[in-house]
N, C-alpha and C. Protein backbone atom coordinates (compact mmCIF):
# COMPACT_ATOMS: atom_id res chain seq x y z
N MET A 1 28.49 1.49 -42.23
CA MET A 1 28.21 1.04 -43.59
C MET A 1 29.03 -0.26 -43.94
N ARG A 2 28.36 -1.11 -44.49
CA ARG A 2 28.72 -2.43 -44.86
C ARG A 2 29.52 -2.47 -46.07
N THR A 3 30.63 -2.96 -46.23
CA THR A 3 31.44 -2.94 -47.59
C THR A 3 31.03 -4.40 -48.09
N ARG A 4 31.18 -4.36 -49.48
CA ARG A 4 30.97 -5.44 -50.25
C ARG A 4 32.25 -6.36 -50.59
N SER A 5 33.35 -5.77 -50.14
CA SER A 5 34.62 -6.57 -50.54
C SER A 5 35.40 -6.43 -49.24
N ARG A 6 36.30 -7.32 -49.23
CA ARG A 6 37.24 -7.54 -48.04
C ARG A 6 38.44 -6.69 -48.18
N THR A 7 38.80 -6.37 -49.63
CA THR A 7 39.93 -5.50 -50.00
C THR A 7 39.65 -4.13 -49.85
N VAL A 8 38.39 -3.46 -49.42
CA VAL A 8 38.09 -2.04 -49.46
C VAL A 8 38.96 -1.44 -48.30
N ALA A 9 39.94 -0.61 -48.46
CA ALA A 9 40.64 0.07 -47.62
C ALA A 9 40.23 1.24 -47.48
N LEU A 10 39.57 1.97 -48.21
CA LEU A 10 38.92 3.23 -48.10
C LEU A 10 37.37 3.07 -47.60
N SER A 11 37.06 3.48 -46.59
CA SER A 11 35.67 3.44 -46.15
C SER A 11 35.04 4.80 -45.65
N ILE A 12 33.90 4.87 -45.74
CA ILE A 12 33.24 6.12 -45.43
C ILE A 12 32.95 5.98 -43.84
N VAL A 13 33.35 7.05 -43.21
CA VAL A 13 33.04 7.15 -41.71
C VAL A 13 31.57 7.73 -41.55
N GLY A 14 31.21 8.78 -42.07
CA GLY A 14 29.95 9.46 -41.79
C GLY A 14 28.93 8.94 -42.88
N ALA A 15 27.68 8.86 -42.45
CA ALA A 15 26.42 8.55 -43.15
C ALA A 15 25.98 9.75 -44.01
N THR A 16 25.71 9.58 -45.20
CA THR A 16 25.16 10.76 -45.93
C THR A 16 23.72 10.69 -45.94
N ALA A 17 23.08 11.86 -46.36
CA ALA A 17 21.70 11.96 -46.23
C ALA A 17 20.90 11.05 -47.13
N PHE A 18 21.39 10.67 -48.28
CA PHE A 18 20.65 9.73 -49.14
C PHE A 18 20.63 8.35 -48.57
N THR A 19 21.56 7.97 -47.72
CA THR A 19 21.75 6.66 -47.07
C THR A 19 20.57 6.77 -46.00
N LEU A 20 20.52 7.72 -45.31
CA LEU A 20 19.47 7.78 -44.10
C LEU A 20 18.09 7.78 -44.58
N ALA A 21 17.94 8.41 -45.75
CA ALA A 21 16.60 8.45 -46.33
C ALA A 21 16.15 6.99 -47.09
N GLY A 22 17.23 6.16 -47.11
CA GLY A 22 16.96 4.96 -47.84
C GLY A 22 16.85 4.92 -49.39
N CYS A 23 17.33 6.21 -50.06
CA CYS A 23 17.19 6.31 -51.30
C CYS A 23 18.58 5.43 -51.81
N ARG A 24 18.31 5.01 -53.25
CA ARG A 24 19.64 4.41 -53.90
C ARG A 24 20.15 5.41 -54.87
N GLU A 25 21.42 5.68 -54.84
CA GLU A 25 22.04 6.23 -55.73
C GLU A 25 23.10 5.57 -56.78
N GLU A 26 23.39 6.06 -57.67
CA GLU A 26 24.38 5.28 -58.57
C GLU A 26 25.69 5.09 -57.88
N GLN A 27 26.15 3.89 -57.80
CA GLN A 27 27.41 3.61 -57.12
C GLN A 27 28.32 3.44 -58.29
N VAL A 28 29.54 4.10 -57.87
CA VAL A 28 30.76 3.98 -58.87
C VAL A 28 31.85 3.43 -58.30
N ASP A 29 32.56 2.85 -59.10
CA ASP A 29 34.04 2.43 -58.57
C ASP A 29 34.79 3.62 -58.41
N ALA A 30 35.47 3.70 -57.12
CA ALA A 30 36.28 4.74 -56.73
C ALA A 30 37.66 4.36 -55.99
N GLN A 31 38.71 5.04 -56.30
CA GLN A 31 39.85 4.69 -55.58
C GLN A 31 40.68 5.89 -55.14
N ALA A 32 41.24 5.92 -53.92
CA ALA A 32 42.02 7.06 -53.40
C ALA A 32 43.34 6.82 -53.41
N PHE A 33 44.25 7.74 -53.55
CA PHE A 33 45.61 7.85 -53.78
C PHE A 33 46.15 9.06 -53.03
N PRO A 34 47.34 8.78 -52.13
CA PRO A 34 48.07 9.79 -51.61
C PRO A 34 48.65 10.81 -52.52
N ASP A 35 48.95 10.23 -53.70
CA ASP A 35 50.00 11.03 -54.69
C ASP A 35 49.89 10.56 -56.08
N LEU A 36 50.38 11.25 -57.02
CA LEU A 36 50.49 10.81 -58.31
C LEU A 36 51.13 9.60 -58.67
N GLN A 37 52.27 9.38 -58.02
CA GLN A 37 53.06 8.21 -58.06
C GLN A 37 52.36 7.01 -57.69
N SER A 38 51.70 6.98 -56.65
CA SER A 38 50.91 5.91 -56.25
C SER A 38 49.77 5.29 -57.05
N CYS A 39 49.08 6.42 -57.71
CA CYS A 39 48.15 6.03 -58.84
C CYS A 39 48.76 5.52 -60.02
N LYS A 40 49.81 6.04 -60.51
CA LYS A 40 50.62 5.41 -61.62
C LYS A 40 51.08 4.00 -61.35
N GLU A 41 51.66 3.77 -60.10
CA GLU A 41 52.04 2.34 -59.85
C GLU A 41 50.74 1.34 -59.85
N ALA A 42 49.59 1.75 -59.23
CA ALA A 42 48.47 1.06 -59.32
C ALA A 42 48.06 0.75 -60.92
N ALA A 43 48.08 1.80 -61.60
CA ALA A 43 47.72 1.64 -63.10
C ALA A 43 48.63 0.79 -63.64
N ALA A 44 49.97 0.70 -63.51
CA ALA A 44 50.94 -0.16 -64.17
C ALA A 44 50.89 -1.55 -63.68
N GLY A 45 50.31 -1.70 -62.42
CA GLY A 45 50.11 -2.97 -61.84
C GLY A 45 48.71 -3.56 -62.43
N GLY A 46 48.09 -2.97 -63.23
CA GLY A 46 46.90 -3.47 -64.05
C GLY A 46 45.68 -3.71 -63.22
N ASP A 47 45.48 -2.97 -61.99
CA ASP A 47 44.22 -3.09 -61.32
C ASP A 47 42.81 -2.89 -62.16
N GLY A 48 42.85 -2.56 -63.21
CA GLY A 48 41.88 -2.19 -64.14
C GLY A 48 41.00 -0.83 -64.03
N LEU A 49 41.12 -0.32 -62.89
CA LEU A 49 40.31 0.83 -62.56
C LEU A 49 40.71 2.09 -63.45
N LEU A 50 42.04 2.37 -63.64
CA LEU A 50 42.72 3.72 -64.21
C LEU A 50 43.80 3.17 -64.99
N THR A 51 44.18 4.06 -66.07
CA THR A 51 45.42 3.90 -66.83
C THR A 51 46.28 5.00 -66.28
N VAL A 52 47.60 4.96 -66.57
CA VAL A 52 48.41 6.07 -66.34
C VAL A 52 47.83 7.46 -66.86
N ALA A 53 47.35 7.50 -67.91
CA ALA A 53 46.90 8.77 -68.63
C ALA A 53 45.69 9.17 -67.62
N ASP A 54 44.96 8.38 -67.30
CA ASP A 54 43.83 8.67 -66.31
C ASP A 54 44.25 9.41 -65.22
N CYS A 55 45.34 8.77 -64.36
CA CYS A 55 45.80 9.12 -63.36
C CYS A 55 46.40 10.72 -63.45
N GLU A 56 47.05 10.84 -64.47
CA GLU A 56 47.47 12.31 -64.75
C GLU A 56 46.36 13.04 -64.96
N ALA A 57 45.27 12.84 -65.69
CA ALA A 57 44.34 13.66 -66.01
C ALA A 57 43.47 13.99 -64.69
N ALA A 58 43.26 12.99 -64.10
CA ALA A 58 42.34 13.09 -62.76
C ALA A 58 43.00 13.80 -61.80
N ILE A 59 44.32 13.58 -61.58
CA ILE A 59 45.17 14.37 -60.67
C ILE A 59 45.23 15.76 -61.03
N ALA A 60 45.26 16.06 -62.11
CA ALA A 60 45.40 17.55 -62.59
C ALA A 60 44.01 18.25 -62.41
N GLU A 61 42.96 17.48 -62.49
CA GLU A 61 41.59 17.78 -62.22
C GLU A 61 41.34 18.26 -60.76
N ALA A 62 41.91 17.20 -59.92
CA ALA A 62 41.55 17.57 -58.53
C ALA A 62 42.50 18.62 -58.03
N GLU A 63 43.84 18.90 -58.62
CA GLU A 63 44.55 20.05 -58.03
C GLU A 63 43.96 21.34 -58.62
N GLN A 64 43.06 21.50 -59.76
CA GLN A 64 42.83 22.45 -60.13
C GLN A 64 41.26 22.96 -59.31
N LEU A 65 40.61 21.78 -58.88
CA LEU A 65 39.51 21.81 -58.11
C LEU A 65 40.02 22.47 -56.55
N HIS A 66 41.16 21.98 -56.26
CA HIS A 66 41.83 22.53 -54.91
C HIS A 66 41.86 23.93 -54.99
N VAL A 67 42.53 24.48 -56.03
CA VAL A 67 42.66 25.95 -56.11
C VAL A 67 41.33 26.53 -56.18
N GLU A 68 40.34 26.00 -56.78
CA GLU A 68 39.12 26.79 -56.86
C GLU A 68 38.10 26.54 -55.72
N THR A 69 38.28 25.43 -54.88
CA THR A 69 37.09 24.89 -53.96
C THR A 69 37.69 24.72 -52.78
N ALA A 70 39.00 24.72 -52.38
CA ALA A 70 39.42 24.50 -51.04
C ALA A 70 38.86 25.34 -50.03
N PRO A 71 38.50 24.89 -48.98
CA PRO A 71 38.11 25.84 -47.88
C PRO A 71 39.25 26.90 -47.45
N ARG A 72 38.84 27.99 -47.28
CA ARG A 72 39.67 29.13 -47.00
C ARG A 72 39.26 29.68 -45.56
N TYR A 73 40.52 30.00 -44.79
CA TYR A 73 40.22 30.68 -43.45
C TYR A 73 41.08 31.93 -43.25
N ASP A 74 40.68 32.62 -42.21
CA ASP A 74 41.27 33.92 -42.10
C ASP A 74 42.43 33.84 -41.28
N SER A 75 42.87 32.70 -40.67
CA SER A 75 44.08 32.62 -40.06
C SER A 75 44.43 31.16 -39.92
N LEU A 76 45.86 30.99 -39.76
CA LEU A 76 46.47 29.71 -39.75
C LEU A 76 45.94 28.93 -38.56
N GLN A 77 45.68 29.47 -37.51
CA GLN A 77 45.07 28.85 -36.55
C GLN A 77 43.89 28.28 -36.59
N VAL A 78 42.84 28.90 -37.18
CA VAL A 78 41.52 28.46 -37.58
C VAL A 78 41.77 27.24 -38.46
N CYS A 79 42.53 27.42 -39.48
CA CYS A 79 42.74 26.29 -40.47
C CYS A 79 43.38 25.02 -39.81
N GLU A 80 44.38 25.20 -38.98
CA GLU A 80 44.90 24.06 -38.20
C GLU A 80 43.89 23.35 -37.19
N GLU A 81 43.04 24.17 -36.69
CA GLU A 81 41.92 23.75 -35.62
C GLU A 81 41.15 22.70 -36.40
N GLN A 82 40.83 22.97 -37.75
CA GLN A 82 39.97 22.18 -38.60
C GLN A 82 40.62 21.01 -39.32
N HIS A 83 41.92 21.24 -39.65
CA HIS A 83 42.72 20.29 -40.45
C HIS A 83 43.94 19.64 -39.66
N GLY A 84 44.31 20.10 -38.62
CA GLY A 84 45.47 19.51 -37.89
C GLY A 84 46.75 20.30 -38.01
N GLU A 85 47.57 20.40 -37.05
CA GLU A 85 48.84 21.08 -36.97
C GLU A 85 49.68 20.79 -38.22
N GLY A 86 50.14 21.58 -38.90
CA GLY A 86 51.22 21.47 -40.17
C GLY A 86 50.26 21.18 -41.36
N ALA A 87 49.05 21.05 -41.41
CA ALA A 87 48.34 20.75 -42.43
C ALA A 87 47.74 21.77 -43.28
N CYS A 88 48.22 23.00 -43.09
CA CYS A 88 47.87 24.39 -43.78
C CYS A 88 48.94 25.21 -44.19
N GLY A 89 48.60 25.86 -45.15
CA GLY A 89 49.54 26.97 -46.02
C GLY A 89 48.77 28.14 -46.18
N SER A 90 49.48 29.22 -46.43
CA SER A 90 48.76 30.47 -47.04
C SER A 90 48.35 30.19 -48.33
N GLU A 91 47.34 30.93 -48.72
CA GLU A 91 46.77 30.54 -50.15
C GLU A 91 47.72 30.93 -51.18
N GLU A 92 48.65 31.84 -50.95
CA GLU A 92 49.78 31.99 -51.86
C GLU A 92 50.70 30.86 -52.02
N GLN A 93 51.04 30.16 -50.78
CA GLN A 93 51.99 29.08 -50.78
C GLN A 93 50.93 27.87 -51.58
N VAL A 94 49.87 27.66 -51.18
CA VAL A 94 49.02 26.56 -51.59
C VAL A 94 48.69 26.55 -53.11
N ALA A 95 48.18 27.67 -53.35
CA ALA A 95 47.49 27.73 -54.59
C ALA A 95 48.32 28.73 -55.67
N SER A 96 49.33 29.20 -55.24
CA SER A 96 50.34 29.92 -56.22
C SER A 96 49.48 31.12 -56.60
N SER A 97 48.75 31.76 -55.78
CA SER A 97 47.98 32.95 -56.02
C SER A 97 47.30 33.27 -54.56
N GLY A 98 46.88 34.59 -54.73
CA GLY A 98 46.15 35.20 -53.29
C GLY A 98 47.35 35.90 -52.59
N SER A 99 46.90 36.47 -51.57
CA SER A 99 47.65 37.55 -50.93
C SER A 99 48.61 37.06 -49.77
N GLY A 100 48.24 35.73 -49.29
CA GLY A 100 49.12 35.21 -48.23
C GLY A 100 48.44 35.45 -46.79
N SER A 101 47.34 36.28 -46.88
CA SER A 101 46.71 36.37 -45.40
C SER A 101 45.40 35.44 -45.36
N ILE A 102 45.19 34.56 -46.28
CA ILE A 102 44.13 33.63 -46.28
C ILE A 102 44.84 32.30 -46.36
N PHE A 103 44.41 31.24 -45.49
CA PHE A 103 44.97 29.89 -45.36
C PHE A 103 44.08 28.78 -45.78
N MET A 104 44.68 27.93 -46.36
CA MET A 104 44.10 26.75 -46.90
C MET A 104 44.50 25.38 -46.56
N PRO A 105 43.99 24.33 -46.50
CA PRO A 105 44.44 23.05 -46.00
C PRO A 105 45.42 22.52 -47.30
N LEU A 106 46.45 21.93 -47.02
CA LEU A 106 47.39 21.15 -47.89
C LEU A 106 46.49 20.03 -48.54
N LEU A 107 46.78 19.82 -49.65
CA LEU A 107 46.26 18.49 -50.44
C LEU A 107 46.99 17.41 -49.88
N THR A 108 46.04 16.40 -49.51
CA THR A 108 46.71 15.06 -48.79
C THR A 108 46.34 13.90 -49.70
N GLY A 109 45.65 14.00 -50.72
CA GLY A 109 45.28 12.66 -51.47
C GLY A 109 44.23 13.25 -52.60
N TYR A 110 43.86 12.12 -53.41
CA TYR A 110 42.94 12.28 -54.58
C TYR A 110 41.98 11.26 -54.60
N LEU A 111 40.80 11.61 -54.76
CA LEU A 111 39.82 10.54 -54.82
C LEU A 111 39.28 10.49 -56.26
N ILE A 112 39.24 9.59 -56.86
CA ILE A 112 39.00 9.34 -58.33
C ILE A 112 37.86 8.42 -58.60
N GLY A 113 36.88 8.73 -59.28
CA GLY A 113 35.71 8.03 -59.60
C GLY A 113 35.65 7.43 -60.99
N ASN A 114 35.40 6.24 -61.21
CA ASN A 114 35.25 5.54 -62.51
C ASN A 114 33.71 5.37 -62.85
N MET A 115 32.97 6.38 -63.46
CA MET A 115 31.63 6.15 -63.76
C MET A 115 31.25 5.60 -65.07
N LEU A 116 32.32 4.90 -65.69
CA LEU A 116 32.15 4.26 -67.14
C LEU A 116 32.11 2.71 -66.66
N SER A 117 32.13 2.27 -65.51
CA SER A 117 31.84 0.90 -65.08
C SER A 117 32.57 -0.09 -65.80
N GLY A 118 34.06 -0.09 -65.58
CA GLY A 118 34.93 -0.93 -66.09
C GLY A 118 35.23 -0.89 -67.56
N ARG A 119 34.92 0.24 -68.19
CA ARG A 119 35.43 0.29 -69.64
C ARG A 119 36.65 1.37 -69.57
N GLY A 120 37.15 1.57 -68.39
CA GLY A 120 38.30 2.37 -68.36
C GLY A 120 37.87 3.69 -68.24
N GLY A 121 38.87 4.62 -67.95
CA GLY A 121 38.63 6.09 -67.90
C GLY A 121 38.09 6.37 -66.75
N TYR A 122 38.30 7.76 -66.30
CA TYR A 122 37.71 8.26 -65.07
C TYR A 122 36.69 9.22 -65.46
N ALA A 123 35.63 9.65 -64.48
CA ALA A 123 34.77 10.52 -64.68
C ALA A 123 35.12 11.87 -63.97
N ARG A 124 35.47 11.58 -62.64
CA ARG A 124 35.67 12.70 -61.81
C ARG A 124 36.59 12.58 -60.70
N SER A 125 37.26 13.50 -60.17
CA SER A 125 38.12 13.43 -59.15
C SER A 125 37.74 14.70 -58.18
N GLN A 126 38.38 14.31 -56.88
CA GLN A 126 38.18 15.17 -55.94
C GLN A 126 39.37 15.46 -55.05
N PRO A 127 39.99 16.64 -54.57
CA PRO A 127 40.94 16.80 -53.51
C PRO A 127 40.63 16.25 -52.39
N MET A 128 41.48 15.77 -51.55
CA MET A 128 41.41 15.30 -50.28
C MET A 128 42.12 16.20 -49.31
N TYR A 129 41.69 16.20 -47.99
CA TYR A 129 42.47 16.92 -46.91
C TYR A 129 42.12 16.21 -45.73
N ARG A 130 43.22 16.59 -44.89
CA ARG A 130 43.16 15.89 -43.42
C ARG A 130 42.25 16.58 -42.63
N THR A 131 41.64 15.65 -41.71
CA THR A 131 40.87 16.35 -40.77
C THR A 131 41.56 16.45 -39.35
N SER A 132 40.99 17.34 -38.61
CA SER A 132 41.67 17.46 -37.43
C SER A 132 41.93 16.25 -36.48
N ASP A 133 41.04 15.16 -36.71
CA ASP A 133 41.27 13.85 -36.16
C ASP A 133 42.04 12.75 -36.79
N GLY A 134 42.66 13.12 -37.78
CA GLY A 134 43.45 12.50 -38.61
C GLY A 134 42.70 11.58 -39.84
N LYS A 135 41.64 11.81 -40.09
CA LYS A 135 40.94 11.28 -41.21
C LYS A 135 41.07 12.07 -42.43
N PHE A 136 40.18 11.86 -43.54
CA PHE A 136 40.37 12.47 -44.58
C PHE A 136 39.02 13.05 -45.11
N THR A 137 38.82 14.14 -45.90
CA THR A 137 37.58 14.64 -46.35
C THR A 137 37.81 15.41 -47.55
N ASN A 138 36.62 15.45 -48.33
CA ASN A 138 36.65 16.07 -49.55
C ASN A 138 36.62 17.68 -49.48
N ALA A 139 36.66 18.38 -50.66
CA ALA A 139 36.81 19.90 -50.65
C ALA A 139 35.60 20.65 -49.84
N ALA A 140 34.20 19.83 -50.10
CA ALA A 140 33.00 20.37 -49.45
C ALA A 140 32.93 20.02 -47.92
N GLY A 141 33.86 19.18 -47.58
CA GLY A 141 33.89 18.52 -46.05
C GLY A 141 32.61 17.68 -45.84
N SER A 142 31.82 17.35 -46.76
CA SER A 142 30.58 16.39 -46.84
C SER A 142 30.67 15.10 -46.51
N ASN A 143 31.88 14.54 -46.67
CA ASN A 143 32.15 13.16 -46.39
C ASN A 143 33.50 12.92 -45.74
N VAL A 144 33.51 11.98 -44.98
CA VAL A 144 34.74 11.57 -44.08
C VAL A 144 35.35 10.21 -44.55
N TYR A 145 36.47 10.06 -44.86
CA TYR A 145 37.13 8.71 -45.13
C TYR A 145 38.23 8.25 -44.12
N SER A 146 38.14 7.20 -43.90
CA SER A 146 39.32 6.49 -42.90
C SER A 146 40.82 6.73 -43.35
N GLY A 147 41.04 6.64 -44.52
CA GLY A 147 42.18 6.85 -45.29
C GLY A 147 42.31 7.62 -46.55
N ASN A 148 43.49 7.73 -47.10
CA ASN A 148 43.70 8.46 -48.38
C ASN A 148 44.32 7.45 -49.43
N SER A 149 43.90 6.10 -49.32
CA SER A 149 44.29 5.28 -50.24
C SER A 149 43.45 3.89 -50.12
N GLY A 150 43.15 3.36 -51.21
CA GLY A 150 42.21 2.24 -51.21
C GLY A 150 41.03 2.35 -52.26
N LYS A 151 40.23 1.26 -52.43
CA LYS A 151 39.34 1.33 -53.38
C LYS A 151 37.75 1.11 -52.48
N ALA A 152 36.73 1.57 -53.08
CA ALA A 152 35.40 1.20 -52.58
C ALA A 152 34.39 1.65 -53.77
N LYS A 153 33.18 1.36 -53.44
CA LYS A 153 32.01 1.67 -54.26
C LYS A 153 31.46 2.86 -53.51
N LEU A 154 31.28 3.95 -54.20
CA LEU A 154 30.82 5.43 -53.52
C LEU A 154 29.62 5.88 -54.51
N GLY A 155 28.88 6.70 -53.73
CA GLY A 155 27.75 7.23 -54.54
C GLY A 155 28.28 8.33 -55.33
N ALA A 156 27.81 8.43 -56.79
CA ALA A 156 28.21 9.32 -57.78
C ALA A 156 28.30 11.04 -57.21
N ASN A 157 27.33 11.03 -56.24
CA ASN A 157 27.22 12.63 -55.74
C ASN A 157 28.45 12.88 -55.13
N GLN A 158 29.33 11.89 -54.56
CA GLN A 158 30.64 12.25 -53.99
C GLN A 158 31.62 13.11 -54.78
N PHE A 159 31.46 12.94 -56.08
CA PHE A 159 32.06 13.64 -57.24
C PHE A 159 31.55 14.91 -57.84
N THR A 160 30.61 15.46 -57.10
CA THR A 160 29.77 16.77 -57.70
C THR A 160 30.94 17.87 -57.28
N LYS A 161 31.04 18.76 -58.20
CA LYS A 161 31.93 19.78 -58.02
C LYS A 161 31.53 20.60 -56.85
N PRO A 162 32.17 20.92 -55.87
CA PRO A 162 31.79 21.99 -54.64
C PRO A 162 31.87 23.31 -55.04
N PRO A 163 31.18 24.17 -54.47
CA PRO A 163 31.05 25.50 -54.72
C PRO A 163 32.49 26.20 -54.65
N THR A 164 32.86 27.30 -55.52
CA THR A 164 33.97 27.91 -55.57
C THR A 164 34.11 28.73 -54.25
N THR A 165 35.38 28.69 -53.63
CA THR A 165 35.65 29.55 -52.65
C THR A 165 36.53 30.64 -52.91
N VAL A 166 37.02 30.96 -54.02
CA VAL A 166 37.93 32.04 -54.64
C VAL A 166 37.08 33.34 -54.60
N GLY A 167 37.61 34.30 -53.79
CA GLY A 167 37.07 35.57 -53.87
C GLY A 167 35.85 35.58 -52.68
N LYS A 168 35.67 34.48 -52.04
CA LYS A 168 34.63 34.44 -51.04
C LYS A 168 35.45 34.96 -49.73
N PRO A 169 34.67 35.61 -48.64
CA PRO A 169 35.16 35.67 -47.48
C PRO A 169 35.80 34.63 -46.81
N PRO A 170 36.94 34.43 -46.35
CA PRO A 170 37.42 33.29 -45.81
C PRO A 170 36.75 32.90 -44.51
N MET A 171 36.59 31.69 -43.98
CA MET A 171 36.07 31.44 -42.67
C MET A 171 36.83 31.94 -41.35
N THR A 172 35.97 32.52 -40.53
CA THR A 172 36.72 32.88 -39.26
C THR A 172 36.46 31.84 -38.25
N LYS A 173 36.88 31.99 -37.15
CA LYS A 173 36.88 30.83 -35.99
C LYS A 173 35.40 30.91 -35.64
N ALA A 174 34.59 31.89 -35.53
CA ALA A 174 33.09 31.99 -35.37
C ALA A 174 32.27 31.29 -36.40
N MET A 175 32.72 31.47 -37.67
CA MET A 175 31.98 30.78 -38.88
C MET A 175 32.12 29.22 -38.65
N ALA A 176 33.46 28.87 -38.37
CA ALA A 176 33.88 27.39 -38.27
C ALA A 176 32.92 26.86 -37.05
N ALA A 177 33.03 27.67 -36.19
CA ALA A 177 32.22 26.87 -34.66
C ALA A 177 30.76 26.85 -35.02
N SER A 178 30.25 27.82 -35.73
CA SER A 178 28.78 27.88 -36.05
C SER A 178 28.42 26.67 -36.85
N ARG A 179 29.29 26.08 -37.64
CA ARG A 179 29.11 25.03 -38.46
C ARG A 179 29.36 23.66 -37.79
N GLY A 180 29.81 23.79 -36.68
CA GLY A 180 30.31 22.67 -35.85
C GLY A 180 31.51 22.03 -36.49
N GLY A 181 32.26 22.80 -37.21
CA GLY A 181 33.67 22.43 -37.73
C GLY A 181 33.53 22.51 -39.28
N PHE A 182 34.47 22.22 -39.87
CA PHE A 182 34.55 22.26 -41.46
C PHE A 182 33.60 21.45 -42.24
N GLY A 183 32.97 22.02 -42.99
CA GLY A 183 32.01 21.11 -43.76
C GLY A 183 30.59 20.89 -43.10
N LYS A 184 30.59 21.06 -41.97
CA LYS A 184 29.34 20.89 -41.22
C LYS A 184 28.41 21.94 -41.43
N SER A 185 26.97 21.82 -41.56
CA SER A 185 25.94 22.71 -41.72
C SER A 185 25.48 23.15 -40.37
N GLY A 186 25.08 24.48 -40.26
CA GLY A 186 24.89 24.99 -38.97
C GLY A 186 23.72 24.44 -38.41
N GLY A 187 23.69 24.10 -37.13
CA GLY A 187 22.51 23.48 -36.44
C GLY A 187 22.53 21.89 -36.31
N VAL A 188 23.26 21.42 -37.35
CA VAL A 188 23.15 19.79 -37.37
C VAL A 188 24.21 19.38 -36.34
N ARG A 189 25.36 19.93 -35.98
CA ARG A 189 26.30 19.46 -34.95
C ARG A 189 26.85 20.84 -34.19
N ALA A 190 26.13 21.81 -34.14
CA ALA A 190 26.51 22.94 -33.38
C ALA A 190 27.21 22.55 -32.13
N GLY A 191 28.30 23.26 -31.80
CA GLY A 191 28.89 23.08 -30.59
C GLY A 191 29.92 21.72 -30.42
N SER A 192 29.83 20.93 -31.62
CA SER A 192 30.62 19.70 -31.27
C SER A 192 31.98 20.04 -31.72
N GLY A 193 32.39 21.08 -32.47
CA GLY A 193 33.80 21.44 -32.58
C GLY A 193 34.41 20.67 -33.76
N GLY A 194 33.66 19.98 -34.65
CA GLY A 194 34.07 19.08 -35.72
C GLY A 194 35.32 18.51 -35.71
């Protein structure tokens, strides 16, 4: 995917369906941060995309989405196969709820989109998780990014709220394998191990 700016540090590794089909989607200014402090520092530096208040609200939204929509696994082993060693915790540890027998990836960043085109304010945010190959992905696992910091123009659909995973059966090893890994749909990359 070709970037429009040499300063773009955040890049999409995988292509999405709308790009393959040649359809144009609304592009929004987006920025990723590994933590709240880095977002506040960027806002204080006057980069124009976010204010400190935007950072606080967007990160709170992403943290709430994390609790509601993070992938859930039936074992620490399955979670770490999808997100890397040391990148998971029990639902009880990660989300301050749950039984402790369900495992979720740890939050490793925040993706914030500004759909107000330069007028300040953010529209949506998404939690980011590490993938097993050291890249980063959103809660749905539908987009993969090379890092968890930087700016880019992204499709507005990347900020759509993923389906809730609370109360749903956690993914088993067989379920993850049938999808080709976290976030993949069955049949698209079956057997690739994601």
